[in-house]
Protein backbone atom coordinates (compact mmCIF):
# COMPACT_ATOMS: atom_id res chain seq x y z
CA MET A 1 20.76 45.17 -12.22
CA LYS A 2 19.97 47.42 -15.13
CA LYS A 3 17.69 45.80 -17.64
CA MET A 4 16.73 46.67 -21.20
CA ILE A 5 13.75 44.97 -22.72
CA ARG A 6 12.68 45.41 -26.32
CA LEU A 7 9.01 44.77 -26.73
CA ALA A 8 7.14 43.94 -29.90
CA MET A 9 3.41 44.27 -30.16
CA CYS A 10 0.56 43.05 -32.23
CA ILE A 11 -2.87 44.70 -32.32
CA SER A 12 -5.98 42.72 -33.24
CA THR A 13 -8.84 43.93 -35.43
CA THR A 14 -12.21 44.98 -34.03
CA SER A 15 -15.07 46.75 -35.75
CA LEU A 16 -15.88 48.73 -32.60
CA LEU A 17 -12.68 50.75 -32.73
CA SER A 18 -11.94 53.85 -34.75
CA VAL A 19 -8.23 52.97 -34.79
CA SER A 20 -7.39 50.67 -37.68
CA ALA A 21 -5.64 47.31 -37.58
CA GLU A 22 -2.63 49.05 -39.12
CA THR A 23 -1.87 50.72 -35.80
CA ASN A 24 1.13 48.88 -34.37
CA ALA A 25 4.08 49.87 -32.23
CA LEU A 26 7.36 48.66 -30.83
CA ILE A 27 7.59 49.84 -27.25
CA GLU A 28 11.10 49.87 -25.82
CA VAL A 29 11.01 49.94 -22.03
CA LYS A 30 14.02 50.72 -19.91
CA LEU A 31 13.76 49.27 -16.40
CA PHE A 32 16.50 50.73 -14.25
CA LYS A 33 16.35 47.99 -11.64
CA ALA A 34 14.61 44.62 -11.51
CA TRP A 35 13.25 44.93 -7.95
CA VAL A 36 10.95 47.15 -5.91
CA ILE A 37 10.26 47.53 -2.21
CA LYS A 38 6.82 47.59 -0.62
CA GLY A 39 5.05 50.87 -1.32
CA GLU A 40 7.45 51.87 -4.10
CA HIS A 41 6.08 53.71 -7.10
CA LEU A 42 7.02 51.21 -9.78
CA SER A 43 6.36 53.84 -12.41
CA GLY A 44 9.36 55.85 -11.23
CA ASN A 45 11.65 53.03 -12.35
CA PHE A 46 11.29 53.15 -16.12
CA ASN A 47 11.33 55.21 -19.29
CA LEU A 48 10.29 54.27 -22.79
CA ALA A 49 10.60 54.88 -26.50
CA ILE A 50 7.65 54.39 -28.85
CA GLN A 51 8.28 53.38 -32.47
CA ASN A 52 5.35 53.42 -34.88
CA THR A 53 5.66 50.14 -36.81
CA GLY A 54 2.24 50.37 -38.49
CA THR A 55 1.01 52.30 -41.50
CA ASP A 56 -1.26 54.76 -39.67
CA PRO A 57 -0.06 57.68 -37.50
CA ILE A 58 -0.27 57.17 -33.72
CA ARG A 59 -1.88 59.96 -31.72
CA LEU A 60 0.23 60.84 -28.67
CA ALA A 61 0.02 63.67 -26.15
CA LYS A 62 2.51 66.46 -26.85
CA HIS A 63 3.27 67.22 -23.22
CA PRO A 64 4.63 64.44 -20.98
CA VAL A 65 2.26 65.43 -18.15
CA ASN A 66 -0.74 64.87 -20.42
CA PHE A 67 0.78 61.63 -21.66
CA GLU A 68 1.28 60.51 -18.08
CA VAL A 69 -2.31 61.35 -17.09
CA GLY A 70 -4.29 60.41 -20.17
CA GLN A 71 -2.42 57.66 -21.97
CA LEU A 72 0.35 55.93 -20.04
CA VAL A 73 -0.67 53.13 -17.66
CA ILE A 74 1.01 50.29 -15.80
CA ARG A 75 -1.51 47.44 -15.98
CA PRO A 76 -1.13 44.38 -13.73
CA LEU A 77 -1.64 41.04 -15.46
CA PRO A 78 -4.19 39.78 -16.17
CA HIS A 79 -5.65 43.03 -17.49
CA ASN A 80 -8.86 44.29 -15.91
CA PRO A 81 -11.52 45.43 -18.44
CA ARG A 82 -12.53 48.16 -16.01
CA ASP A 83 -9.27 49.92 -16.90
CA ASP A 84 -10.94 51.00 -20.15
CA LEU A 85 -13.66 53.02 -18.45
CA LYS A 86 -11.37 54.91 -16.07
CA GLN A 87 -8.76 55.55 -18.73
CA GLU A 88 -11.33 56.81 -21.22
CA GLU A 89 -12.37 59.47 -18.71
CA GLU A 90 -8.78 60.60 -18.21
CA TYR A 91 -8.08 60.49 -21.94
CA GLN A 92 -11.09 62.69 -22.67
CA MET A 93 -9.91 65.18 -20.03
CA ILE A 94 -6.67 65.85 -21.88
CA ALA A 95 -8.51 65.75 -25.23
CA LEU A 96 -10.51 68.81 -24.16
CA ASP A 97 -7.45 70.77 -25.23
CA GLY A 98 -7.79 70.75 -28.99
CA ASP A 99 -4.01 71.03 -29.40
CA ALA A 100 -3.06 68.33 -26.89
CA PHE A 101 -1.88 65.69 -29.37
CA PHE A 102 0.58 65.17 -32.19
CA SER A 103 0.72 62.38 -34.75
CA LEU A 104 3.73 60.05 -34.68
CA PRO A 105 4.28 59.12 -38.35
CA PRO A 106 4.81 55.51 -39.44
CA GLY A 107 8.38 54.37 -38.93
CA GLU A 108 9.33 57.14 -36.51
CA THR A 109 10.22 56.92 -32.82
CA HIS A 110 9.27 59.26 -29.98
CA VAL A 111 10.98 59.70 -26.61
CA TYR A 112 9.60 61.99 -23.89
CA VAL A 113 12.71 63.80 -22.70
CA TRP A 114 13.78 64.83 -19.22
CA ARG A 115 10.96 62.99 -17.59
CA LYS A 116 10.25 60.29 -15.05
CA PHE A 117 6.71 59.01 -15.10
CA TYR A 118 4.81 58.76 -11.82
CA LEU A 119 1.45 57.10 -12.23
CA ASP A 120 -1.45 56.88 -9.78
CA ARG A 121 -2.14 53.21 -10.38
CA GLN A 122 0.26 50.77 -8.81
CA THR A 123 0.81 47.06 -9.26
CA PRO A 124 -0.17 45.12 -6.10
CA PHE A 125 3.01 44.27 -4.21
CA SER A 126 4.05 40.62 -4.30
CA LYS A 127 7.14 38.46 -4.62
CA GLU A 128 6.76 38.54 -8.40
CA MET A 129 4.92 41.40 -10.09
CA ASN A 130 3.78 40.97 -13.70
CA PHE A 131 2.49 43.90 -15.72
CA THR A 132 2.50 45.68 -19.05
CA VAL A 133 3.36 49.25 -19.90
CA SER A 134 0.32 50.31 -21.93
CA ILE A 135 -0.55 53.35 -24.03
CA TYR A 136 -4.22 54.26 -24.39
CA LEU A 137 -5.42 55.61 -27.74
CA GLY A 138 -9.09 56.11 -26.87
CA LYS A 139 -12.32 54.13 -27.29
CA GLY A 140 -10.91 51.04 -25.59
CA PHE A 141 -7.83 50.72 -27.79
CA TRP A 142 -4.48 49.97 -26.13
CA LEU A 143 -0.91 49.53 -27.24
CA ASN A 144 0.41 46.91 -24.82
CA SER A 145 3.99 45.91 -24.20
CA GLU A 146 5.04 42.34 -23.78
CA PRO A 147 4.74 41.23 -20.12
CA LEU A 148 7.34 42.67 -17.76
CA THR A 149 8.36 41.24 -14.40
CA VAL A 150 10.00 42.76 -11.33
CA GLN A 151 10.62 41.18 -7.95
CA GLY A 152 9.06 42.51 -4.77
CA ILE A 153 11.81 42.37 -2.15
CA ILE A 154 12.68 43.15 1.45
CA PRO A 155 15.76 45.43 1.38
CA ASP A 156 18.94 44.41 3.12
CA ALA A 157 19.27 47.86 4.67
CA VAL A 158 17.49 51.23 4.78
CA GLU A 159 19.61 54.20 5.85
CA GLN A 160 17.88 57.47 6.71
CA LEU A 161 19.94 60.28 5.18
CA ALA A 162 18.16 63.62 5.60
CA SER A 163 14.88 65.45 5.96
CA ILE A 164 14.54 68.23 3.37
CA LYS A 165 11.94 70.94 2.86
CA ASP A 166 10.90 73.33 0.11
CA ASN A 167 11.57 76.80 1.52
CA THR A 168 9.70 78.71 -1.18
CA LYS A 169 7.87 81.68 0.32
CA ASN A 170 4.23 81.10 1.27
CA ILE A 171 4.52 77.33 0.83
CA GLN A 172 3.92 75.25 3.93
CA ALA A 173 5.27 72.01 2.48
CA ALA A 174 5.86 68.97 4.65
CA PRO A 175 9.46 67.80 4.95
CA ARG A 176 10.53 65.01 2.62
CA LYS A 177 12.76 62.21 3.83
CA LEU A 178 15.67 60.93 1.77
CA SER A 179 17.00 57.44 2.41
CA ALA A 180 19.43 54.93 0.92
CA VAL A 181 17.99 51.49 0.17
CA THR A 182 20.42 48.60 -0.25
CA TYR A 183 19.58 45.27 -1.86
CA LYS A 184 22.36 42.79 -2.68
CA ASN A 185 25.01 44.82 -4.55
CA GLU A 186 22.73 47.77 -5.37
CA ARG A 187 22.15 50.94 -3.37
CA TRP A 188 19.51 53.48 -4.39
CA LEU A 189 18.50 56.93 -3.21
CA TYR A 190 14.78 57.14 -2.38
CA SER A 191 12.45 60.02 -1.52
CA ASN A 192 9.82 59.38 1.17
CA GLY A 193 10.56 55.67 1.01
CA TYR A 194 8.83 54.95 -2.29
CA PHE A 195 10.14 57.28 -5.04
CA PRO A 196 13.42 55.95 -6.52
CA ILE A 197 15.75 58.77 -7.54
CA CYS A 198 19.08 57.29 -8.59
CA PRO A 199 21.67 54.62 -7.85
CA LEU A 200 24.34 55.38 -5.28
CA SER A 201 27.82 54.01 -4.76
CA PRO A 202 27.65 50.88 -2.57
CA THR A 203 29.84 52.18 0.26
CA ASN A 204 30.38 55.95 -0.13
CA LYS A 205 29.22 58.32 2.59
CA ILE A 206 26.22 60.35 1.38
CA ARG A 207 25.97 64.01 2.40
CA ILE A 208 23.04 66.33 1.62
CA GLU A 209 22.98 70.12 1.89
CA PRO A 210 20.75 72.99 0.63
CA HIS A 211 21.79 74.33 -2.76
CA ASP A 212 19.56 77.38 -3.29
CA ASP A 213 17.57 77.59 -0.02
CA VAL A 214 14.39 76.86 -2.00
CA SER A 215 13.91 73.44 -3.55
CA LEU A 216 17.33 72.37 -4.84
CA PHE A 217 19.72 70.26 -2.79
CA LYS A 218 23.31 69.15 -3.35
CA ILE A 219 23.89 65.47 -2.74
CA TRP A 220 27.45 64.23 -2.29
CA ASP A 221 28.18 60.59 -3.14
CA GLY A 222 31.71 60.45 -1.85
CA ASP A 223 33.52 63.16 -3.84
CA LYS A 224 30.88 63.19 -6.62
CA SER A 225 28.11 65.76 -6.39
CA MET A 226 24.64 66.03 -7.91
CA ILE A 227 21.80 68.55 -7.73
CA TYR A 228 18.37 67.24 -6.77
CA ASP A 229 15.11 69.10 -7.43
CA MET A 230 12.74 67.92 -4.71
CA ASN A 231 9.65 69.26 -6.50
CA GLN A 232 10.36 67.43 -9.77
CA PHE A 233 11.84 64.30 -8.16
CA ILE A 234 14.76 64.51 -10.62
CA LEU A 235 18.46 65.24 -10.76
CA THR A 236 19.26 68.42 -12.67
CA GLU A 237 23.01 67.77 -12.55
CA ALA A 238 24.84 64.51 -11.88
CA PRO A 239 27.48 62.12 -13.23
CA ASP A 240 26.09 59.56 -15.67
CA GLU A 241 26.60 56.71 -13.21
CA ASN A 242 24.09 58.41 -10.90
CA ASP A 243 21.81 60.06 -13.44
CA VAL A 244 20.84 56.83 -15.19
CA PHE A 245 17.39 58.19 -16.08
CA GLY A 246 18.73 61.32 -17.75
CA LYS A 247 21.58 59.48 -19.48
CA TRP A 248 19.30 56.87 -21.06
CA THR A 249 16.71 59.45 -22.11
CA ARG A 250 19.32 61.74 -23.66
CA GLU A 251 21.05 58.95 -25.59
CA ARG A 252 17.80 57.32 -26.71
CA LYS A 253 16.47 60.68 -27.90
CA GLN A 254 19.63 61.25 -29.96
CA LYS A 255 19.31 57.80 -31.54
CA ALA A 256 15.63 58.43 -32.31
CA GLU A 257 16.49 61.70 -34.07
CA VAL A 258 19.05 59.94 -36.28
CA ASP A 259 16.67 57.07 -37.06
CA ASN A 260 13.78 59.44 -37.79
CA ALA A 261 15.91 61.47 -40.18
CA GLU A 262 16.72 58.28 -42.08
CA VAL A 263 13.04 57.30 -42.21
CA ARG A 264 12.13 60.72 -43.63
CA ARG A 265 14.97 60.57 -46.16
CA LYS A 266 13.75 57.22 -47.47
CA LYS A 267 10.18 58.46 -47.70
CA ALA A 268 11.31 61.53 -49.63
CA GLU A 269 13.11 59.31 -52.14
CA MET A 270 10.08 57.14 -52.79
CA PRO A 271 8.37 57.73 -56.17
């Protein structure tokens, strides 16, 4: 089941922080399915939009890789204060680049395009997993979503589809296994058993073949085809019903651009 959750946040005041109490955000999280299997990278199952609802700019990493490393965290509930120390170290690592950040103006929305986020920290697997998607702004200051919940499940079926390998010259990469995981009326393509890639048709035969003899592979879902980049863990071409990550990101980015233009127009008209 696809699930959209709109999350409002409220940030409290503290004299120890350099970020003011006027830093607030609406974090819109898109969960592409409401369940995970044991060992799954939960972070590969969502994307997000960040709207600045405060009066101060919000400092965000320009590049999605830096955002993924230094600011974006899935935090199991209840939150562990030790997260601050580890995240501060990672935040300072990306801050070493003096041009690593941009300021998201008040009222505007940002979407990191063409990106799935894969984070090192995972939520402990259980029947019900409660967490927040959090954005770290430095010096112990977090933007936290409302609590999110997914179910930890045992799949109804796991079908091994293919073993693929990057054939780039001079790279001795280990083969990667692709499988189809079925739970109730959903069927998903997984890489190595824990990276979700995309939904599949419930009953179609899945065929996989090399596309460029390097790192791209053509995946046939019945008579529909898609191109999978095994190094990026993403589809570079696919119908919208398969490429749910790309479809949501593209459409949400377009909406953000329209909304941001309206915000700027209203600001320009203010006396």
